[in-house]
N, C-alpha and C. Protein backbone atom coordinates (compact mmCIF):
# COMPACT_ATOMS: atom_id res chain seq x y z
N UNK A 1 150.56 74.75 42.79
CA UNK A 1 151.65 74.10 43.48
C UNK A 1 151.99 74.92 44.73
N UNK A 2 152.11 74.25 45.85
CA UNK A 2 152.46 74.93 47.09
C UNK A 2 153.85 74.51 47.51
N UNK A 3 154.56 75.46 48.07
CA UNK A 3 155.90 75.16 48.60
C UNK A 3 155.75 74.57 49.99
N UNK A 4 156.34 73.41 50.18
CA UNK A 4 156.32 72.80 51.49
C UNK A 4 157.71 72.87 52.08
N UNK A 5 157.78 73.39 53.29
CA UNK A 5 159.05 73.46 53.98
C UNK A 5 159.13 72.32 54.97
N UNK A 6 160.24 71.61 54.96
CA UNK A 6 160.36 70.50 55.92
C UNK A 6 160.44 71.04 57.35
N UNK A 7 159.89 70.29 58.26
CA UNK A 7 160.00 70.65 59.67
C UNK A 7 160.98 69.69 60.34
N UNK A 8 161.67 70.21 61.31
CA UNK A 8 162.64 69.39 62.01
C UNK A 8 162.55 69.74 63.49
N UNK A 9 162.55 68.72 64.31
CA UNK A 9 162.49 68.98 65.75
C UNK A 9 163.92 69.11 66.30
N UNK A 10 164.01 69.53 67.54
CA UNK A 10 165.32 69.79 68.15
C UNK A 10 166.18 68.53 68.19
N UNK A 11 165.58 67.39 68.52
CA UNK A 11 166.35 66.16 68.60
C UNK A 11 166.99 65.81 67.25
N UNK A 12 166.21 65.95 66.18
CA UNK A 12 166.76 65.67 64.86
C UNK A 12 167.81 66.70 64.46
N UNK A 13 167.59 67.94 64.83
CA UNK A 13 168.57 68.99 64.53
C UNK A 13 169.90 68.67 65.19
N UNK A 14 169.85 68.28 66.46
CA UNK A 14 171.07 67.91 67.18
C UNK A 14 171.71 66.70 66.52
N UNK A 15 170.89 65.72 66.16
CA UNK A 15 171.40 64.49 65.55
C UNK A 15 172.18 64.78 64.26
N UNK A 16 171.72 65.74 63.48
CA UNK A 16 172.38 66.05 62.22
C UNK A 16 173.52 67.04 62.37
N UNK A 17 173.37 68.00 63.28
CA UNK A 17 174.40 69.03 63.41
C UNK A 17 175.60 68.61 64.26
N UNK A 18 175.37 67.80 65.29
CA UNK A 18 176.46 67.45 66.20
C UNK A 18 177.65 66.81 65.49
N UNK A 19 177.45 65.81 64.63
CA UNK A 19 178.62 65.23 63.94
C UNK A 19 179.35 66.25 63.06
N UNK A 20 178.59 67.11 62.43
CA UNK A 20 179.21 68.14 61.58
C UNK A 20 180.03 69.11 62.42
N UNK A 21 179.46 69.56 63.52
CA UNK A 21 180.17 70.50 64.40
C UNK A 21 181.43 69.85 64.97
N UNK A 22 181.32 68.60 65.40
CA UNK A 22 182.49 67.89 65.93
C UNK A 22 183.60 67.78 64.89
N UNK A 23 183.22 67.47 63.65
CA UNK A 23 184.22 67.33 62.60
C UNK A 23 184.92 68.65 62.32
N UNK A 24 184.14 69.73 62.25
CA UNK A 24 184.73 71.05 61.98
C UNK A 24 185.67 71.46 63.11
N UNK A 25 185.23 71.27 64.34
CA UNK A 25 186.09 71.63 65.48
C UNK A 25 187.36 70.80 65.48
N UNK A 26 187.22 69.51 65.23
CA UNK A 26 188.40 68.62 65.21
C UNK A 26 189.38 69.07 64.13
N UNK A 27 188.86 69.39 62.94
CA UNK A 27 189.74 69.83 61.85
C UNK A 27 190.43 71.14 62.19
N UNK A 28 189.69 72.08 62.76
CA UNK A 28 190.27 73.37 63.11
C UNK A 28 191.32 73.24 64.22
N UNK A 29 191.03 72.43 65.23
CA UNK A 29 192.02 72.22 66.29
C UNK A 29 193.27 71.55 65.75
N UNK A 30 193.09 70.60 64.85
CA UNK A 30 194.24 69.93 64.24
C UNK A 30 195.09 70.95 63.49
N UNK A 31 194.46 71.85 62.77
CA UNK A 31 195.21 72.88 62.04
C UNK A 31 195.95 73.81 62.99
N UNK A 32 195.30 74.20 64.09
CA UNK A 32 195.95 75.09 65.06
C UNK A 32 197.16 74.41 65.66
N UNK A 33 197.03 73.16 66.04
CA UNK A 33 198.14 72.44 66.66
C UNK A 33 199.29 72.28 65.67
N UNK A 34 198.98 72.04 64.41
CA UNK A 34 200.04 71.92 63.40
C UNK A 34 200.75 73.25 63.19
N UNK A 35 199.98 74.35 63.18
CA UNK A 35 200.55 75.67 62.92
C UNK A 35 201.31 76.24 64.11
N UNK A 36 200.88 75.90 65.32
CA UNK A 36 201.51 76.43 66.53
C UNK A 36 201.63 75.32 67.57
N UNK A 37 202.60 74.41 67.38
CA UNK A 37 202.69 73.24 68.25
C UNK A 37 202.90 73.54 69.73
N UNK A 38 203.45 74.68 70.10
CA UNK A 38 203.66 75.00 71.50
C UNK A 38 202.55 75.83 72.11
N UNK A 39 201.44 75.95 71.42
CA UNK A 39 200.36 76.83 71.85
C UNK A 39 199.67 76.35 73.12
N UNK A 40 199.46 75.05 73.25
CA UNK A 40 198.69 74.54 74.38
C UNK A 40 199.59 74.22 75.56
N UNK A 41 199.37 74.93 76.63
CA UNK A 41 200.08 74.66 77.87
C UNK A 41 199.08 74.84 79.00
N UNK A 42 198.96 73.83 79.85
CA UNK A 42 198.05 73.91 80.97
C UNK A 42 198.82 74.09 82.26
N UNK A 43 198.55 75.20 82.91
CA UNK A 43 199.13 75.50 84.20
C UNK A 43 198.22 74.88 85.27
N UNK A 44 198.77 74.25 86.30
CA UNK A 44 197.94 73.64 87.33
C UNK A 44 196.96 74.60 88.01
N UNK A 45 197.19 75.88 87.89
CA UNK A 45 196.28 76.87 88.49
C UNK A 45 195.09 77.20 87.58
N UNK A 46 195.12 76.73 86.36
CA UNK A 46 194.05 77.02 85.40
C UNK A 46 192.81 76.18 85.73
N UNK A 47 191.62 76.78 85.62
CA UNK A 47 190.40 76.03 85.88
C UNK A 47 190.26 74.78 85.01
N UNK A 48 190.67 74.83 83.76
CA UNK A 48 190.54 73.66 82.88
C UNK A 48 191.45 72.52 83.37
N UNK A 49 192.59 72.86 83.94
CA UNK A 49 193.49 71.84 84.50
C UNK A 49 192.79 71.10 85.63
N UNK A 50 192.16 71.87 86.50
CA UNK A 50 191.43 71.28 87.63
C UNK A 50 190.25 70.45 87.13
N UNK A 51 189.57 70.93 86.09
CA UNK A 51 188.46 70.17 85.50
C UNK A 51 188.95 68.84 84.94
N UNK A 52 190.10 68.87 84.28
CA UNK A 52 190.63 67.63 83.71
C UNK A 52 191.06 66.66 84.81
N UNK A 53 191.59 67.19 85.91
CA UNK A 53 191.91 66.32 87.05
C UNK A 53 190.65 65.67 87.61
N UNK A 54 189.58 66.46 87.71
CA UNK A 54 188.32 65.93 88.21
C UNK A 54 187.77 64.84 87.28
N UNK A 55 187.86 65.06 85.99
CA UNK A 55 187.40 64.06 85.02
C UNK A 55 188.21 62.77 85.18
N UNK A 56 189.53 62.89 85.33
CA UNK A 56 190.37 61.71 85.52
C UNK A 56 190.00 60.97 86.80
N UNK A 57 189.74 61.72 87.86
CA UNK A 57 189.36 61.10 89.14
C UNK A 57 188.02 60.37 89.00
N UNK A 58 187.06 61.00 88.34
CA UNK A 58 185.75 60.37 88.14
C UNK A 58 185.88 59.12 87.29
N UNK A 59 186.78 59.15 86.30
CA UNK A 59 187.02 57.96 85.48
C UNK A 59 187.61 56.84 86.32
N UNK A 60 188.59 57.19 87.16
CA UNK A 60 189.24 56.20 88.02
C UNK A 60 188.25 55.57 88.99
N UNK A 61 187.27 56.35 89.44
CA UNK A 61 186.25 55.86 90.38
C UNK A 61 185.11 55.12 89.68
N UNK A 62 185.15 55.07 88.36
CA UNK A 62 184.10 54.40 87.61
C UNK A 62 182.81 55.20 87.49
N UNK A 63 182.87 56.50 87.77
CA UNK A 63 181.68 57.34 87.69
C UNK A 63 181.34 57.73 86.26
N UNK A 64 182.33 57.74 85.40
CA UNK A 64 182.10 58.06 83.99
C UNK A 64 182.90 57.10 83.13
N UNK A 65 182.48 56.99 81.88
CA UNK A 65 183.22 56.20 80.90
C UNK A 65 183.67 57.15 79.81
N UNK A 66 184.95 57.15 79.52
CA UNK A 66 185.47 57.96 78.43
C UNK A 66 185.57 57.07 77.20
N UNK A 67 185.14 57.60 76.07
CA UNK A 67 185.11 56.85 74.83
C UNK A 67 186.34 57.17 73.97
N UNK A 68 186.79 56.18 73.24
CA UNK A 68 187.89 56.38 72.31
C UNK A 68 187.42 57.25 71.15
N UNK A 69 188.36 57.74 70.39
CA UNK A 69 188.05 58.53 69.20
C UNK A 69 187.09 57.76 68.29
N UNK A 70 187.42 56.52 68.06
CA UNK A 70 186.60 55.69 67.15
C UNK A 70 185.20 55.47 67.71
N UNK A 71 185.10 55.21 69.02
CA UNK A 71 183.79 54.99 69.63
C UNK A 71 182.93 56.27 69.58
N UNK A 72 183.55 57.39 69.86
CA UNK A 72 182.80 58.66 69.92
C UNK A 72 182.42 59.19 68.55
N UNK A 73 183.33 59.05 67.59
CA UNK A 73 183.10 59.67 66.29
C UNK A 73 182.80 58.69 65.19
N UNK A 74 182.97 57.41 65.49
CA UNK A 74 182.66 56.39 64.48
C UNK A 74 183.56 56.44 63.27
N UNK A 75 184.79 56.89 63.47
CA UNK A 75 185.73 56.99 62.34
C UNK A 75 186.89 56.05 62.53
C-alpha cells in the first residue's frame, strides 16, 4: 500500500482558503467592534481615508462595482 498525497494548485488553494479567511476576519472584526465600539476613527489625513475617498470616486465614475455583503460572501 502506498500513501498518496493529494496535490492542489494555487487556484484551488485560493478557492478553498479565501472564503475561510474572509469568514475568520469578519468574525474577528465583529468581535473587536463589539468589545471596543469607539476604536475605529478615520482622520482625513490618514492614507486609508484617502484610499476610501478614491474608491468612492471610482464607484461614482462607474470604474468599479462594489458588491453587497450577500453578493460578495454568499450569505
